[in-house]
Amino acid sequence: MRDLLLISEPRGQRAARNDAEARARYAEMVAFGEGLGARLLASESLRPDSHGVRVQVPHDKPVLRDGPFAEAREMIGGFFLLDCASLDEAVAIARDCPAARFATVEVRECAPCFVH
């Protein structure tokens, strides 16, 4: 089954790090991903929400909003897409994720949108 580890981190956290800290944190996350072996299907670090755009099309009228998004205290910082045997395995991997020390790692099972 496919599971997504979705990393939500406090806005501004990255900007508070110096270059050496940022590079060390990134290297730690890359090493974690490499250690997942064949269970890792994809992973990415995302740019801060100040580089994002939110798109909505209510009543066929597009609404675009550039980031940063003031109402949000956290931003999606990255993800790991995994192929796990069970939800328990995905949760165990999330517990070992370095991001769990400085962010929230949410585990979500991938499924069609009609599955409740």
PDB file of N, CA and C in Angstrom:
ATOM      1  N   MET A   1       0.841  -1.172   0.000  1.00  0.00           N
ATOM      2  CA  MET A   1       0.000   0.000   0.000  1.00  0.00           C
ATOM      3  C   MET A   1       0.887   1.235   0.000  1.00  0.00           C
ATOM      4  N   ARG A   2       0.383   2.270  -0.595  1.00  0.00           N
ATOM      5  CA  ARG A   2       1.147   3.513  -0.668  1.00  0.00           C
ATOM      6  C   ARG A   2       0.728   4.443   0.463  1.00  0.00           C
ATOM      7  N   ASP A   3       1.741   5.033   1.087  1.00  0.00           N
ATOM      8  CA  ASP A   3       1.513   5.987   2.171  1.00  0.00           C
ATOM      9  C   ASP A   3       2.351   7.224   1.909  1.00  0.00           C
ATOM     10  N   LEU A   4       1.806   8.346   2.319  1.00  0.00           N
ATOM     11  CA  LEU A   4       2.494   9.620   2.163  1.00  0.00           C
ATOM     12  C   LEU A   4       2.879  10.132   3.538  1.00  0.00           C
ATOM     13  N   LEU A   5       4.150  10.429   3.723  1.00  0.00           N
ATOM     14  CA  LEU A   5       4.597  11.142   4.912  1.00  0.00           C
ATOM     15  C   LEU A   5       4.642  12.606   4.512  1.00  0.00           C
ATOM     16  N   LEU A   6       3.755  13.381   5.074  1.00  0.00           N
ATOM     17  CA  LEU A   6       3.612  14.788   4.732  1.00  0.00           C
ATOM     18  C   LEU A   6       4.223  15.606   5.861  1.00  0.00           C
ATOM     19  N   ILE A   7       5.214  16.412   5.548  1.00  0.00           N
ATOM     20  CA  ILE A   7       5.945  17.155   6.569  1.00  0.00           C
ATOM     21  C   ILE A   7       5.436  18.588   6.629  1.00  0.00           C
ATOM     22  N   SER A   8       4.858  18.947   7.771  1.00  0.00           N
ATOM     23  CA  SER A   8       4.371  20.313   8.009  1.00  0.00           C
ATOM     24  C   SER A   8       5.308  20.963   9.010  1.00  0.00           C
ATOM     25  N   GLU A   9       5.864  22.094   8.624  1.00  0.00           N
ATOM     26  CA  GLU A   9       6.808  22.760   9.518  1.00  0.00           C
ATOM     27  C   GLU A   9       6.386  24.196   9.781  1.00  0.00           C
ATOM     28  N   PRO A  10       6.787  24.740  10.918  1.00  0.00           N
ATOM     29  CA  PRO A  10       6.433  26.124  11.227  1.00  0.00           C
ATOM     30  C   PRO A  10       6.971  27.082  10.162  1.00  0.00           C
ATOM     31  N   ARG A  11       6.129  28.024   9.770  1.00  0.00           N
ATOM     32  CA  ARG A  11       6.570  29.028   8.796  1.00  0.00           C
ATOM     33  C   ARG A  11       7.711  29.827   9.410  1.00  0.00           C
ATOM     34  N   GLY A  12       8.700  30.133   8.619  1.00  0.00           N
ATOM     35  CA  GLY A  12       9.836  30.919   9.080  1.00  0.00           C
ATOM     36  C   GLY A  12      10.942  30.100   9.710  1.00  0.00           C
ATOM     37  N   GLN A  13      10.686  28.835   9.972  1.00  0.00           N
ATOM     38  CA  GLN A  13      11.699  27.985  10.603  1.00  0.00           C
ATOM     39  C   GLN A  13      12.954  27.876   9.737  1.00  0.00           C
ATOM     40  N   ARG A  14      12.769  27.701   8.451  1.00  0.00           N
ATOM     41  CA  ARG A  14      13.923  27.568   7.556  1.00  0.00           C
ATOM     42  C   ARG A  14      14.747  28.845   7.508  1.00  0.00           C
ATOM     43  N   ALA A  15      14.075  29.976   7.455  1.00  0.00           N
ATOM     44  CA  ALA A  15      14.780  31.260   7.363  1.00  0.00           C
ATOM     45  C   ALA A  15      15.606  31.536   8.617  1.00  0.00           C
ATOM     46  N   ALA A  16      15.232  30.929   9.734  1.00  0.00           N
ATOM     47  CA  ALA A  16      15.951  31.151  10.986  1.00  0.00           C
ATOM     48  C   ALA A  16      17.254  30.354  11.059  1.00  0.00           C
ATOM     49  N   ARG A  17      17.425  29.378  10.174  1.00  0.00           N
ATOM     50  CA  ARG A  17      18.641  28.562  10.180  1.00  0.00           C
ATOM     51  C   ARG A  17      19.751  29.252   9.399  1.00  0.00           C
ATOM     52  N   ASN A  18      20.986  29.079   9.867  1.00  0.00           N
ATOM     53  CA  ASN A  18      22.104  29.564   9.055  1.00  0.00           C
ATOM     54  C   ASN A  18      22.378  28.535   7.961  1.00  0.00           C
ATOM     55  N   ASP A  19      23.242  28.874   7.029  1.00  0.00           N
ATOM     56  CA  ASP A  19      23.487  28.020   5.866  1.00  0.00           C
ATOM     57  C   ASP A  19      23.990  26.639   6.271  1.00  0.00           C
ATOM     58  N   ALA A  20      24.906  26.584   7.228  1.00  0.00           N
ATOM     59  CA  ALA A  20      25.458  25.296   7.654  1.00  0.00           C
ATOM     60  C   ALA A  20      24.372  24.418   8.276  1.00  0.00           C
ATOM     61  N   GLU A  21      23.521  24.998   9.105  1.00  0.00           N
ATOM     62  CA  GLU A  21      22.423  24.239   9.718  1.00  0.00           C
ATOM     63  C   GLU A  21      21.459  23.728   8.653  1.00  0.00           C
ATOM     64  N   ALA A  22      21.134  24.584   7.694  1.00  0.00           N
ATOM     65  CA  ALA A  22      20.191  24.205   6.640  1.00  0.00           C
ATOM     66  C   ALA A  22      20.742  23.051   5.808  1.00  0.00           C
ATOM     67  N   ARG A  23      22.007  23.143   5.442  1.00  0.00           N
ATOM     68  CA  ARG A  23      22.618  22.073   4.643  1.00  0.00           C
ATOM     69  C   ARG A  23      22.715  20.764   5.434  1.00  0.00           C
ATOM     70  N   ALA A  24      23.028  20.858   6.715  1.00  0.00           N
ATOM     71  CA  ALA A  24      23.108  19.660   7.556  1.00  0.00           C
ATOM     72  C   ALA A  24      21.735  19.005   7.694  1.00  0.00           C
ATOM     73  N   ARG A  25      20.708  19.803   7.895  1.00  0.00           N
ATOM     74  CA  ARG A  25      19.340  19.274   8.020  1.00  0.00           C
ATOM     75  C   ARG A  25      18.931  18.590   6.715  1.00  0.00           C
ATOM     76  N   TYR A  26      19.238  19.226   5.575  1.00  0.00           N
ATOM     77  CA  TYR A  26      18.885  18.647   4.280  1.00  0.00           C
ATOM     78  C   TYR A  26      19.627  17.324   4.066  1.00  0.00           C
ATOM     79  N   ALA A  27      20.913  17.289   4.390  1.00  0.00           N
ATOM     80  CA  ALA A  27      21.700  16.061   4.224  1.00  0.00           C
ATOM     81  C   ALA A  27      21.138  14.933   5.090  1.00  0.00           C
ATOM     82  N   GLU A  28      20.685  15.272   6.286  1.00  0.00           N
ATOM     83  CA  GLU A  28      20.084  14.280   7.177  1.00  0.00           C
ATOM     84  C   GLU A  28      18.806  13.698   6.565  1.00  0.00           C
ATOM     85  N   MET A  29      18.004  14.552   5.958  1.00  0.00           N
ATOM     86  CA  MET A  29      16.763  14.093   5.333  1.00  0.00           C
ATOM     87  C   MET A  29      17.054  13.230   4.100  1.00  0.00           C
ATOM     88  N   VAL A  30      18.049  13.616   3.307  1.00  0.00           N
ATOM     89  CA  VAL A  30      18.431  12.823   2.131  1.00  0.00           C
ATOM     90  C   VAL A  30      18.918  11.442   2.568  1.00  0.00           C
ATOM     91  N   ALA A  31      19.749  11.395   3.605  1.00  0.00           N
ATOM     92  CA  ALA A  31      20.253  10.114   4.107  1.00  0.00           C
ATOM     93  C   ALA A  31      19.104   9.237   4.615  1.00  0.00           C
ATOM     94  N   PHE A  32      18.129   9.844   5.286  1.00  0.00           N
ATOM     95  CA  PHE A  32      16.960   9.100   5.746  1.00  0.00           C
ATOM     96  C   PHE A  32      16.243   8.477   4.548  1.00  0.00           C
ATOM     97  N   GLY A  33      16.007   9.264   3.503  1.00  0.00           N
ATOM     98  CA  GLY A  33      15.338   8.765   2.307  1.00  0.00           C
ATOM     99  C   GLY A  33      16.107   7.636   1.650  1.00  0.00           C
ATOM    100  N   GLU A  34      17.416   7.789   1.547  1.00  0.00           N
ATOM    101  CA  GLU A  34      18.236   6.740   0.938  1.00  0.00           C
ATOM    102  C   GLU A  34      18.170   5.453   1.750  1.00  0.00           C
ATOM    103  N   GLY A  35      18.044   5.581   3.058  1.00  0.00           N
ATOM    104  CA  GLY A  35      17.965   4.415   3.930  1.00  0.00           C
ATOM    105  C   GLY A  35      16.662   3.637   3.803  1.00  0.00           C
ATOM    106  N   LEU A  36      15.674   4.227   3.173  1.00  0.00           N
ATOM    107  CA  LEU A  36      14.385   3.544   3.003  1.00  0.00           C
ATOM    108  C   LEU A  36      14.414   2.506   1.886  1.00  0.00           C
ATOM    109  N   GLY A  37      15.437   2.558   1.045  1.00  0.00           N
ATOM    110  CA  GLY A  37      15.591   1.568  -0.016  1.00  0.00           C
ATOM    111  C   GLY A  37      14.404   1.524  -0.955  1.00  0.00           C
ATOM    112  N   ALA A  38      13.964   0.302  -1.272  1.00  0.00           N
ATOM    113  CA  ALA A  38      12.887   0.111  -2.253  1.00  0.00           C
ATOM    114  C   ALA A  38      11.530   0.594  -1.745  1.00  0.00           C
ATOM    115  N   ARG A  39      11.401   0.840  -0.445  1.00  0.00           N
ATOM    116  CA  ARG A  39      10.119   1.350   0.080  1.00  0.00           C
ATOM    117  C   ARG A  39       9.863   2.790  -0.354  1.00  0.00           C
ATOM    118  N   LEU A  40      10.932   3.520  -0.697  1.00  0.00           N
ATOM    119  CA  LEU A  40      10.790   4.920  -1.111  1.00  0.00           C
ATOM    120  C   LEU A  40      10.432   4.991  -2.592  1.00  0.00           C
ATOM    121  N   LEU A  41       9.265   5.548  -2.893  1.00  0.00           N
ATOM    122  CA  LEU A  41       8.824   5.715  -4.278  1.00  0.00           C
ATOM    123  C   LEU A  41       9.167   7.096  -4.809  1.00  0.00           C
ATOM    124  N   ALA A  42       9.092   8.102  -3.948  1.00  0.00           N
ATOM    125  CA  ALA A  42       9.408   9.479  -4.349  1.00  0.00           C
ATOM    126  C   ALA A  42       9.561  10.316  -3.088  1.00  0.00           C
ATOM    127  N   SER A  43      10.326  11.386  -3.200  1.00  0.00           N
ATOM    128  CA  SER A  43      10.436  12.350  -2.103  1.00  0.00           C
ATOM    129  C   SER A  43      10.877  13.683  -2.680  1.00  0.00           C
ATOM    130  N   GLU A  44      10.451  14.736  -2.029  1.00  0.00           N
ATOM    131  CA  GLU A  44      10.841  16.084  -2.442  1.00  0.00           C
ATOM    132  C   GLU A  44      10.793  17.010  -1.241  1.00  0.00           C
ATOM    133  N   SER A  45      11.684  17.960  -1.243  1.00  0.00           N
ATOM    134  CA  SER A  45      11.610  19.100  -0.339  1.00  0.00           C
ATOM    135  C   SER A  45      10.948  20.214  -1.143  1.00  0.00           C
ATOM    136  N   LEU A  46      10.073  20.965  -0.510  1.00  0.00           N
ATOM    137  CA  LEU A  46       9.339  22.016  -1.217  1.00  0.00           C
ATOM    138  C   LEU A  46       9.836  23.392  -0.807  1.00  0.00           C
ATOM    139  N   ARG A  47       9.802  24.324  -1.736  1.00  0.00           N
ATOM    140  CA  ARG A  47      10.160  25.704  -1.411  1.00  0.00           C
ATOM    141  C   ARG A  47       9.132  26.265  -0.438  1.00  0.00           C
ATOM    142  N   PRO A  48       9.499  27.290   0.325  1.00  0.00           N
ATOM    143  CA  PRO A  48       8.548  27.891   1.270  1.00  0.00           C
ATOM    144  C   PRO A  48       7.285  28.388   0.571  1.00  0.00           C
ATOM    145  N   ASP A  49       6.226  28.537   1.353  1.00  0.00           N
ATOM    146  CA  ASP A  49       4.942  28.942   0.776  1.00  0.00           C
ATOM    147  C   ASP A  49       4.964  30.348   0.186  1.00  0.00           C
ATOM    148  N   SER A  50       5.988  31.116   0.473  1.00  0.00           N
ATOM    149  CA  SER A  50       6.107  32.435  -0.160  1.00  0.00           C
ATOM    150  C   SER A  50       6.311  32.309  -1.666  1.00  0.00           C
ATOM    151  N   HIS A  51       6.674  31.115  -2.127  1.00  0.00           N
ATOM    152  CA  HIS A  51       6.844  30.858  -3.558  1.00  0.00           C
ATOM    153  C   HIS A  51       5.649  30.116  -4.150  1.00  0.00           C
ATOM    154  N   GLY A  52       4.599  29.937  -3.359  1.00  0.00           N
ATOM    155  CA  GLY A  52       3.443  29.170  -3.803  1.00  0.00           C
ATOM    156  C   GLY A  52       2.302  30.044  -4.295  1.00  0.00           C
ATOM    157  N   VAL A  53       1.372  29.407  -4.966  1.00  0.00           N
ATOM    158  CA  VAL A  53       0.138  30.045  -5.441  1.00  0.00           C
ATOM    159  C   VAL A  53      -1.006  29.097  -5.106  1.00  0.00           C
ATOM    160  N   ARG A  54      -2.053  29.623  -4.519  1.00  0.00           N
ATOM    161  CA  ARG A  54      -3.261  28.837  -4.267  1.00  0.00           C
ATOM    162  C   ARG A  54      -4.267  29.132  -5.362  1.00  0.00           C
ATOM    163  N   VAL A  55      -4.863  28.076  -5.890  1.00  0.00           N
ATOM    164  CA  VAL A  55      -5.816  28.200  -6.993  1.00  0.00           C
ATOM    165  C   VAL A  55      -7.160  27.634  -6.545  1.00  0.00           C
ATOM    166  N   GLN A  56      -8.197  28.420  -6.728  1.00  0.00           N
ATOM    167  CA  GLN A  56      -9.569  27.972  -6.507  1.00  0.00           C
ATOM    168  C   GLN A  56     -10.399  28.462  -7.685  1.00  0.00           C
ATOM    169  N   VAL A  57     -11.421  27.702  -8.039  1.00  0.00           N
ATOM    170  CA  VAL A  57     -12.294  28.098  -9.142  1.00  0.00           C
ATOM    171  C   VAL A  57     -13.754  27.947  -8.693  1.00  0.00           C
ATOM    172  N   PRO A  58     -14.176  28.768  -7.721  1.00  0.00           N
ATOM    173  CA  PRO A  58     -15.577  28.701  -7.311  1.00  0.00           C
ATOM    174  C   PRO A  58     -16.466  29.367  -8.361  1.00  0.00           C
ATOM    175  N   HIS A  59     -17.557  28.725  -8.686  1.00  0.00           N
ATOM    176  CA  HIS A  59     -18.530  29.288  -9.635  1.00  0.00           C
ATOM    177  C   HIS A  59     -17.863  29.667 -10.963  1.00  0.00           C
ATOM    178  N   ASP A  60     -16.905  28.849 -11.400  1.00  0.00           N
ATOM    179  CA  ASP A  60     -16.196  29.043 -12.676  1.00  0.00           C
ATOM    180  C   ASP A  60     -15.430  30.354 -12.763  1.00  0.00           C
ATOM    181  N   LYS A  61     -15.077  30.936 -11.621  1.00  0.00           N
ATOM    182  CA  LYS A  61     -14.285  32.174 -11.607  1.00  0.00           C
ATOM    183  C   LYS A  61     -12.975  31.896 -10.876  1.00  0.00           C
ATOM    184  N   PRO A  62     -11.870  31.806 -11.638  1.00  0.00           N
ATOM    185  CA  PRO A  62     -10.587  31.492 -11.013  1.00  0.00           C
ATOM    186  C   PRO A  62     -10.167  32.557  -9.998  1.00  0.00           C
ATOM    187  N   VAL A  63      -9.684  32.075  -8.865  1.00  0.00           N
ATOM    188  CA  VAL A  63      -9.129  32.942  -7.830  1.00  0.00           C
ATOM    189  C   VAL A  63      -7.721  32.432  -7.545  1.00  0.00           C
ATOM    190  N   LEU A  64      -6.727  33.282  -7.757  1.00  0.00           N
ATOM    191  CA  LEU A  64      -5.335  32.929  -7.504  1.00  0.00           C
ATOM    192  C   LEU A  64      -4.823  33.798  -6.364  1.00  0.00           C
ATOM    193  N   ARG A  65      -4.143  33.163  -5.408  1.00  0.00           N
ATOM    194  CA  ARG A  65      -3.562  33.914  -4.297  1.00  0.00           C
ATOM    195  C   ARG A  65      -2.102  33.536  -4.175  1.00  0.00           C
ATOM    196  N   ASP A  66      -1.244  34.540  -4.263  1.00  0.00           N
ATOM    197  CA  ASP A  66       0.184  34.308  -4.087  1.00  0.00           C
ATOM    198  C   ASP A  66       0.510  34.161  -2.609  1.00  0.00           C
ATOM    199  N   GLY A  67       1.498  33.330  -2.300  1.00  0.00           N
ATOM    200  CA  GLY A  67       1.963  33.179  -0.921  1.00  0.00           C
ATOM    201  C   GLY A  67       2.864  34.331  -0.548  1.00  0.00           C
ATOM    202  N   PRO A  68       3.207  34.482   0.691  1.00  0.00           N
ATOM    203  CA  PRO A  68       2.885  33.572   1.778  1.00  0.00           C
ATOM    204  C   PRO A  68       1.434  33.714   2.214  1.00  0.00           C
ATOM    205  N   PHE A  69       0.956  32.684   2.864  1.00  0.00           N
ATOM    206  CA  PHE A  69      -0.444  32.634   3.257  1.00  0.00           C
ATOM    207  C   PHE A  69      -0.557  32.958   4.740  1.00  0.00           C
ATOM    208  N   ALA A  70      -0.940  34.191   5.026  1.00  0.00           N
ATOM    209  CA  ALA A  70      -0.903  34.740   6.381  1.00  0.00           C
ATOM    210  C   ALA A  70      -1.703  33.924   7.387  1.00  0.00           C
ATOM    211  N   GLU A  71      -2.762  33.287   6.943  1.00  0.00           N
ATOM    212  CA  GLU A  71      -3.609  32.547   7.882  1.00  0.00           C
ATOM    213  C   GLU A  71      -2.971  31.232   8.333  1.00  0.00           C
ATOM    214  N   ALA A  72      -1.931  30.809   7.661  1.00  0.00           N
ATOM    215  CA  ALA A  72      -1.295  29.533   7.982  1.00  0.00           C
ATOM    216  C   ALA A  72      -0.106  29.734   8.917  1.00  0.00           C
ATOM    217  N   ARG A  73      -0.055  28.926   9.964  1.00  0.00           N
ATOM    218  CA  ARG A  73       1.098  28.974  10.860  1.00  0.00           C
ATOM    219  C   ARG A  73       2.133  27.928  10.471  1.00  0.00           C
ATOM    220  N   GLU A  74       1.701  26.949   9.685  1.00  0.00           N
ATOM    221  CA  GLU A  74       2.614  25.929   9.195  1.00  0.00           C
ATOM    222  C   GLU A  74       2.542  25.877   7.680  1.00  0.00           C
ATOM    223  N   MET A  75       3.569  25.296   7.087  1.00  0.00           N
ATOM    224  CA  MET A  75       3.585  25.110   5.641  1.00  0.00           C
ATOM    225  C   MET A  75       4.011  23.679   5.356  1.00  0.00           C
ATOM    226  N   ILE A  76       3.623  23.182   4.189  1.00  0.00           N
ATOM    227  CA  ILE A  76       4.072  21.858   3.759  1.00  0.00           C
ATOM    228  C   ILE A  76       5.516  22.011   3.302  1.00  0.00           C
ATOM    229  N   GLY A  77       6.420  21.332   3.984  1.00  0.00           N
ATOM    230  CA  GLY A  77       7.840  21.470   3.683  1.00  0.00           C
ATOM    231  C   GLY A  77       8.388  20.390   2.776  1.00  0.00           C
ATOM    232  N   GLY A  78       7.672  19.272   2.678  1.00  0.00           N
ATOM    233  CA  GLY A  78       8.149  18.191   1.833  1.00  0.00           C
ATOM    234  C   GLY A  78       7.338  16.931   2.063  1.00  0.00           C
ATOM    235  N   PHE A  79       7.750  15.862   1.382  1.00  0.00           N
ATOM    236  CA  PHE A  79       7.020  14.601   1.509  1.00  0.00           C
ATOM    237  C   PHE A  79       7.910  13.421   1.147  1.00  0.00           C
ATOM    238  N   PHE A  80       7.496  12.259   1.624  1.00  0.00           N
ATOM    239  CA  PHE A  80       8.053  10.975   1.219  1.00  0.00           C
ATOM    240  C   PHE A  80       6.868  10.111   0.806  1.00  0.00           C
ATOM    241  N   LEU A  81       6.893   9.566  -0.390  1.00  0.00           N
ATOM    242  CA  LEU A  81       5.874   8.625  -0.842  1.00  0.00           C
ATOM    243  C   LEU A  81       6.464   7.225  -0.695  1.00  0.00           C
ATOM    244  N   LEU A  82       5.779   6.394   0.092  1.00  0.00           N
ATOM    245  CA  LEU A  82       6.315   5.084   0.451  1.00  0.00           C
ATOM    246  C   LEU A  82       5.434   3.944  -0.037  1.00  0.00           C
ATOM    247  N   ASP A  83       6.043   2.791  -0.201  1.00  0.00           N
ATOM    248  CA  ASP A  83       5.325   1.545  -0.455  1.00  0.00           C
ATOM    249  C   ASP A  83       5.539   0.682   0.779  1.00  0.00           C
ATOM    250  N   CYS A  84       4.532   0.622   1.634  1.00  0.00           N
ATOM    251  CA  CYS A  84       4.636  -0.092   2.911  1.00  0.00           C
ATOM    252  C   CYS A  84       3.678  -1.271   2.939  1.00  0.00           C
ATOM    253  N   ALA A  85       4.003  -2.245   3.763  1.00  0.00           N
ATOM    254  CA  ALA A  85       3.143  -3.416   3.914  1.00  0.00           C
ATOM    255  C   ALA A  85       1.905  -3.095   4.740  1.00  0.00           C
ATOM    256  N   SER A  86       2.005  -2.075   5.605  1.00  0.00           N
ATOM    257  CA  SER A  86       0.885  -1.750   6.488  1.00  0.00           C
ATOM    258  C   SER A  86       1.003  -0.310   6.971  1.00  0.00           C
ATOM    259  N   LEU A  87      -0.078   0.179   7.535  1.00  0.00           N
ATOM    260  CA  LEU A  87      -0.057   1.508   8.146  1.00  0.00           C
ATOM    261  C   LEU A  87       0.912   1.526   9.325  1.00  0.00           C
ATOM    262  N   ASP A  88       0.981   0.446  10.072  1.00  0.00           N
ATOM    263  CA  ASP A  88       1.916   0.368  11.199  1.00  0.00           C
ATOM    264  C   ASP A  88       3.360   0.557  10.738  1.00  0.00           C
ATOM    265  N   GLU A  89       3.705  -0.022   9.597  1.00  0.00           N
ATOM    266  CA  GLU A  89       5.062   0.151   9.069  1.00  0.00           C
ATOM    267  C   GLU A  89       5.306   1.610   8.701  1.00  0.00           C
ATOM    268  N   ALA A  90       4.335   2.246   8.068  1.00  0.00           N
ATOM    269  CA  ALA A  90       4.481   3.654   7.689  1.00  0.00           C
ATOM    270  C   ALA A  90       4.630   4.543   8.924  1.00  0.00           C
ATOM    271  N   VAL A  91       3.866   4.257   9.971  1.00  0.00           N
ATOM    272  CA  VAL A  91       3.965   5.035  11.212  1.00  0.00           C
ATOM    273  C   VAL A  91       5.334   4.829  11.859  1.00  0.00           C
ATOM    274  N   ALA A  92       5.841   3.622  11.839  1.00  0.00           N
ATOM    275  CA  ALA A  92       7.172   3.355  12.391  1.00  0.00           C
ATOM    276  C   ALA A  92       8.239   4.131  11.629  1.00  0.00           C
ATOM    277  N   ILE A  93       8.112   4.197  10.321  1.00  0.00           N
ATOM    278  CA  ILE A  93       9.058   4.968   9.510  1.00  0.00           C
ATOM    279  C   ILE A  93       8.942   6.448   9.856  1.00  0.00           C
ATOM    280  N   ALA A  94       7.720   6.943  10.011  1.00  0.00           N
ATOM    281  CA  ALA A  94       7.516   8.355  10.365  1.00  0.00           C
ATOM    282  C   ALA A  94       8.166   8.685  11.701  1.00  0.00           C
ATOM    283  N   ARG A  95       8.097   7.767  12.651  1.00  0.00           N
ATOM    284  CA  ARG A  95       8.735   7.997  13.958  1.00  0.00           C
ATOM    285  C   ARG A  95      10.239   8.158  13.820  1.00  0.00           C
ATOM    286  N   ASP A  96      10.836   7.459  12.847  1.00  0.00           N
ATOM    287  CA  ASP A  96      12.281   7.529  12.635  1.00  0.00           C
ATOM    288  C   ASP A  96      12.699   8.702  11.757  1.00  0.00           C
ATOM    289  N   CYS A  97      11.743   9.376  11.148  1.00  0.00           N
ATOM    290  CA  CYS A  97      12.058  10.483  10.240  1.00  0.00           C
ATOM    291  C   CYS A  97      12.672  11.645  11.025  1.00  0.00           C
ATOM    292  N   PRO A  98      13.823  12.156  10.590  1.00  0.00           N
ATOM    293  CA  PRO A  98      14.443  13.281  11.289  1.00  0.00           C
ATOM    294  C   PRO A  98      13.518  14.491  11.407  1.00  0.00           C
ATOM    295  N   ALA A  99      12.624  14.673  10.453  1.00  0.00           N
ATOM    296  CA  ALA A  99      11.721  15.827  10.479  1.00  0.00           C
ATOM    297  C   ALA A  99      10.795  15.804  11.687  1.00  0.00           C
ATOM    298  N   ALA A 100      10.550  14.633  12.258  1.00  0.00           N
ATOM    299  CA  ALA A 100       9.659  14.541  13.417  1.00  0.00           C
ATOM    300  C   ALA A 100      10.223  15.286  14.628  1.00  0.00           C
ATOM    301  N   ARG A 101      11.510  15.608  14.608  1.00  0.00           N
ATOM    302  CA  ARG A 101      12.121  16.363  15.708  1.00  0.00           C
ATOM    303  C   ARG A 101      11.866  17.863  15.599  1.00  0.00           C
ATOM    304  N   PHE A 102      11.583  18.374  14.392  1.00  0.00           N
ATOM    305  CA  PHE A 102      11.417  19.821  14.215  1.00  0.00           C
ATOM    306  C   PHE A 102      10.132  20.194  13.474  1.00  0.00           C
ATOM    307  N   ALA A 103       9.330  19.202  13.123  1.00  0.00           N
ATOM    308  CA  ALA A 103       8.103  19.442  12.356  1.00  0.00           C
ATOM    309  C   ALA A 103       7.092  18.349  12.708  1.00  0.00           C
ATOM    310  N   THR A 104       5.955  18.397  12.059  1.00  0.00           N
ATOM    311  CA  THR A 104       4.948  17.352  12.204  1.00  0.00           C
ATOM    312  C   THR A 104       5.007  16.458  10.974  1.00  0.00           C
ATOM    313  N   VAL A 105       5.062  15.165  11.182  1.00  0.00           N
ATOM    314  CA  VAL A 105       5.052  14.213  10.077  1.00  0.00           C
ATOM    315  C   VAL A 105       3.701  13.500  10.117  1.00  0.00           C
ATOM    316  N   GLU A 106       2.873  13.791   9.138  1.00  0.00           N
ATOM    317  CA  GLU A 106       1.542  13.193   9.047  1.00  0.00           C
ATOM    318  C   GLU A 106       1.599  12.006   8.096  1.00  0.00           C
ATOM    319  N   VAL A 107       1.048  10.890   8.512  1.00  0.00           N
ATOM    320  CA  VAL A 107       1.008   9.683   7.684  1.00  0.00           C
ATOM    321  C   VAL A 107      -0.383   9.573   7.083  1.00  0.00           C
ATOM    322  N   ARG A 108      -0.432   9.515   5.754  1.00  0.00           N
ATOM    323  CA  ARG A 108      -1.721   9.407   5.051  1.00  0.00           C
ATOM    324  C   ARG A 108      -1.644   8.272   4.047  1.00  0.00           C
ATOM    325  N   GLU A 109      -2.613   7.378   4.106  1.00  0.00           N
ATOM    326  CA  GLU A 109      -2.706   6.294   3.137  1.00  0.00           C
ATOM    327  C   GLU A 109      -3.245   6.850   1.825  1.00  0.00           C
ATOM    328  N   CYS A 110      -2.636   6.472   0.724  1.00  0.00           N
ATOM    329  CA  CYS A 110      -3.126   6.882  -0.592  1.00  0.00           C
ATOM    330  C   CYS A 110      -4.318   6.003  -0.964  1.00  0.00           C
ATOM    331  N   ALA A 111      -5.357   6.631  -1.486  1.00  0.00           N
ATOM    332  CA  ALA A 111      -6.573   5.906  -1.867  1.00  0.00           C
ATOM    333  C   ALA A 111      -7.378   6.780  -2.812  1.00  0.00           C
ATOM    334  N   PRO A 112      -8.246   6.180  -3.620  1.00  0.00           N
ATOM    335  CA  PRO A 112      -9.117   6.984  -4.484  1.00  0.00           C
ATOM    336  C   PRO A 112      -9.974   7.938  -3.644  1.00  0.00           C
ATOM    337  N   CYS A 113     -10.355   9.062  -4.229  1.00  0.00           N
ATOM    338  CA  CYS A 113     -11.092  10.089  -3.483  1.00  0.00           C
ATOM    339  C   CYS A 113     -12.475   9.635  -3.037  1.00  0.00           C
ATOM    340  N   PHE A 114     -12.988   8.555  -3.605  1.00  0.00           N
ATOM    341  CA  PHE A 114     -14.314   8.086  -3.199  1.00  0.00           C
ATOM    342  C   PHE A 114     -14.251   7.113  -2.020  1.00  0.00           C
ATOM    343  N   VAL A 115     -13.041   6.769  -1.567  1.00  0.00           N
ATOM    344  CA  VAL A 115     -12.885   5.876  -0.418  1.00  0.00           C
ATOM    345  C   VAL A 115     -12.912   6.715   0.853  1.00  0.00           C
ATOM    346  N   HIS A 116     -13.761   6.331   1.798  1.00  0.00           N
ATOM    347  CA  HIS A 116     -13.894   7.107   3.045  1.00  0.00           C
ATOM    348  C   HIS A 116     -13.083   6.500   4.152  1.00  0.00           C
TER     349      HIS A 116
END
